[in-house]
Amino acid sequence: MYCLIKEWPNKMATLMTEDGVVLWTFSNIEEARKVWHEWCSLHKDSIANQIGALD
């Protein structure tokens, strides 16, 4: 699965799929990255090519 993290002006961050489905919103981008990293670790996926950031 390929996911994106969108950081909002208030510093909150949304983890979403590449087609725009919102999975969860976090209080900051570090928390969103941590959760995605943990999810990938549980599913034995490579993180390097599976996450992007929206500006």
N, C-alpha and C. Protein backbone atom coordinates (compact mmCIF):
# COMPACT_ATOMS: atom_id res chain seq x y z
N MET A 1 0.86 -1.18 0.00
CA MET A 1 0.00 0.00 0.00
C MET A 1 0.90 1.23 0.00
N TYR A 2 0.53 2.21 -0.77
CA TYR A 2 1.25 3.48 -0.83
C TYR A 2 0.41 4.51 -0.11
N CYS A 3 1.02 5.22 0.85
CA CYS A 3 0.30 6.24 1.62
C CYS A 3 1.01 7.57 1.57
N LEU A 4 0.26 8.60 1.84
CA LEU A 4 0.77 9.97 1.88
C LEU A 4 0.45 10.57 3.23
N ILE A 5 1.29 11.49 3.66
CA ILE A 5 1.02 12.25 4.87
C ILE A 5 0.86 13.71 4.47
N LYS A 6 -0.26 14.28 4.80
CA LYS A 6 -0.55 15.69 4.52
C LYS A 6 -0.42 16.46 5.82
N GLU A 7 0.49 17.43 5.86
CA GLU A 7 0.63 18.28 7.03
C GLU A 7 -0.20 19.54 6.81
N TRP A 8 -1.03 19.88 7.78
CA TRP A 8 -1.92 21.02 7.71
C TRP A 8 -1.26 22.26 8.33
N PRO A 9 -1.76 23.45 8.03
CA PRO A 9 -1.18 24.69 8.59
C PRO A 9 -1.12 24.70 10.13
N ASN A 10 -2.04 23.99 10.78
CA ASN A 10 -2.03 23.96 12.25
C ASN A 10 -1.10 22.87 12.79
N LYS A 11 -0.28 22.28 11.91
CA LYS A 11 0.71 21.26 12.22
C LYS A 11 0.13 19.87 12.46
N MET A 12 -1.18 19.71 12.32
CA MET A 12 -1.77 18.37 12.36
C MET A 12 -1.39 17.66 11.06
N ALA A 13 -1.48 16.33 11.06
CA ALA A 13 -1.10 15.56 9.87
C ALA A 13 -2.12 14.46 9.62
N THR A 14 -2.45 14.26 8.35
CA THR A 14 -3.40 13.23 7.95
C THR A 14 -2.66 12.16 7.16
N LEU A 15 -2.88 10.92 7.55
CA LEU A 15 -2.35 9.77 6.82
C LEU A 15 -3.45 9.31 5.88
N MET A 16 -3.12 9.24 4.58
CA MET A 16 -4.15 8.88 3.60
C MET A 16 -3.57 7.99 2.51
N THR A 17 -4.46 7.27 1.83
CA THR A 17 -4.03 6.46 0.70
C THR A 17 -3.78 7.37 -0.49
N GLU A 18 -3.12 6.82 -1.50
CA GLU A 18 -2.78 7.64 -2.67
C GLU A 18 -4.01 8.12 -3.44
N ASP A 19 -5.15 7.45 -3.25
CA ASP A 19 -6.37 7.91 -3.93
C ASP A 19 -7.23 8.81 -3.04
N GLY A 20 -6.68 9.26 -1.90
CA GLY A 20 -7.34 10.26 -1.08
C GLY A 20 -8.20 9.78 0.07
N VAL A 21 -8.20 8.47 0.33
CA VAL A 21 -8.98 7.96 1.46
C VAL A 21 -8.22 8.26 2.76
N VAL A 22 -8.86 9.00 3.66
CA VAL A 22 -8.24 9.37 4.92
C VAL A 22 -8.26 8.17 5.87
N LEU A 23 -7.08 7.82 6.36
CA LEU A 23 -6.97 6.70 7.30
C LEU A 23 -7.04 7.18 8.74
N TRP A 24 -6.35 8.30 9.02
CA TRP A 24 -6.33 8.83 10.38
C TRP A 24 -5.71 10.21 10.36
N THR A 25 -6.09 11.04 11.32
CA THR A 25 -5.47 12.35 11.48
C THR A 25 -4.78 12.39 12.83
N PHE A 26 -3.57 12.92 12.85
CA PHE A 26 -2.72 12.94 14.04
C PHE A 26 -2.43 14.37 14.46
N SER A 27 -1.95 14.52 15.68
CA SER A 27 -1.66 15.86 16.20
C SER A 27 -0.41 16.48 15.58
N ASN A 28 0.47 15.64 14.98
CA ASN A 28 1.65 16.17 14.31
C ASN A 28 2.19 15.14 13.31
N ILE A 29 3.09 15.59 12.47
CA ILE A 29 3.61 14.73 11.40
C ILE A 29 4.49 13.61 11.95
N GLU A 30 5.19 13.85 13.04
CA GLU A 30 6.04 12.80 13.63
C GLU A 30 5.20 11.62 14.10
N GLU A 31 4.06 11.91 14.69
CA GLU A 31 3.17 10.85 15.15
C GLU A 31 2.64 10.03 13.97
N ALA A 32 2.28 10.71 12.89
CA ALA A 32 1.78 10.02 11.69
C ALA A 32 2.87 9.11 11.11
N ARG A 33 4.09 9.60 11.04
CA ARG A 33 5.20 8.78 10.52
C ARG A 33 5.46 7.58 11.41
N LYS A 34 5.39 7.78 12.71
CA LYS A 34 5.62 6.69 13.66
C LYS A 34 4.58 5.58 13.47
N VAL A 35 3.32 5.95 13.37
CA VAL A 35 2.26 4.96 13.19
C VAL A 35 2.43 4.23 11.87
N TRP A 36 2.76 4.94 10.80
CA TRP A 36 2.95 4.28 9.50
C TRP A 36 4.13 3.32 9.55
N HIS A 37 5.21 3.74 10.20
CA HIS A 37 6.39 2.88 10.34
C HIS A 37 6.03 1.61 11.11
N GLU A 38 5.29 1.73 12.19
CA GLU A 38 4.88 0.57 12.98
C GLU A 38 3.99 -0.36 12.16
N TRP A 39 3.07 0.22 11.39
CA TRP A 39 2.18 -0.59 10.57
C TRP A 39 2.98 -1.39 9.54
N CYS A 40 3.93 -0.73 8.90
CA CYS A 40 4.77 -1.40 7.90
C CYS A 40 5.60 -2.50 8.54
N SER A 41 6.13 -2.24 9.73
CA SER A 41 6.92 -3.25 10.44
C SER A 41 6.09 -4.48 10.74
N LEU A 42 4.86 -4.28 11.13
CA LEU A 42 3.97 -5.40 11.42
C LEU A 42 3.64 -6.21 10.17
N HIS A 43 3.60 -5.54 9.03
CA HIS A 43 3.23 -6.20 7.78
C HIS A 43 4.43 -6.52 6.91
N LYS A 44 5.64 -6.34 7.44
CA LYS A 44 6.87 -6.69 6.74
C LYS A 44 7.02 -5.99 5.40
N ASP A 45 6.50 -4.78 5.30
CA ASP A 45 6.61 -4.00 4.07
C ASP A 45 7.82 -3.08 4.15
N SER A 46 8.36 -2.75 3.01
CA SER A 46 9.44 -1.77 2.94
C SER A 46 8.83 -0.38 2.98
N ILE A 47 9.35 0.46 3.85
CA ILE A 47 8.83 1.81 4.01
C ILE A 47 9.40 2.76 2.95
N ALA A 48 10.60 2.52 2.52
CA ALA A 48 11.33 3.48 1.70
C ALA A 48 10.53 3.99 0.51
N ASN A 49 9.83 3.15 -0.20
CA ASN A 49 9.14 3.57 -1.41
C ASN A 49 7.64 3.59 -1.24
N GLN A 50 7.16 3.61 -0.01
CA GLN A 50 5.73 3.51 0.20
C GLN A 50 5.11 4.71 0.90
N ILE A 51 5.87 5.72 1.17
CA ILE A 51 5.28 6.88 1.82
C ILE A 51 5.77 8.15 1.14
N GLY A 52 4.88 9.09 1.01
CA GLY A 52 5.20 10.37 0.42
C GLY A 52 4.65 11.47 1.30
N ALA A 53 5.00 12.67 0.99
CA ALA A 53 4.50 13.81 1.75
C ALA A 53 3.87 14.81 0.80
N LEU A 54 2.73 15.32 1.19
CA LEU A 54 2.08 16.37 0.42
C LEU A 54 2.40 17.71 1.06
N ASP A 55 2.73 18.67 0.26
CA ASP A 55 3.01 20.01 0.79
C ASP A 55 1.77 20.86 0.77
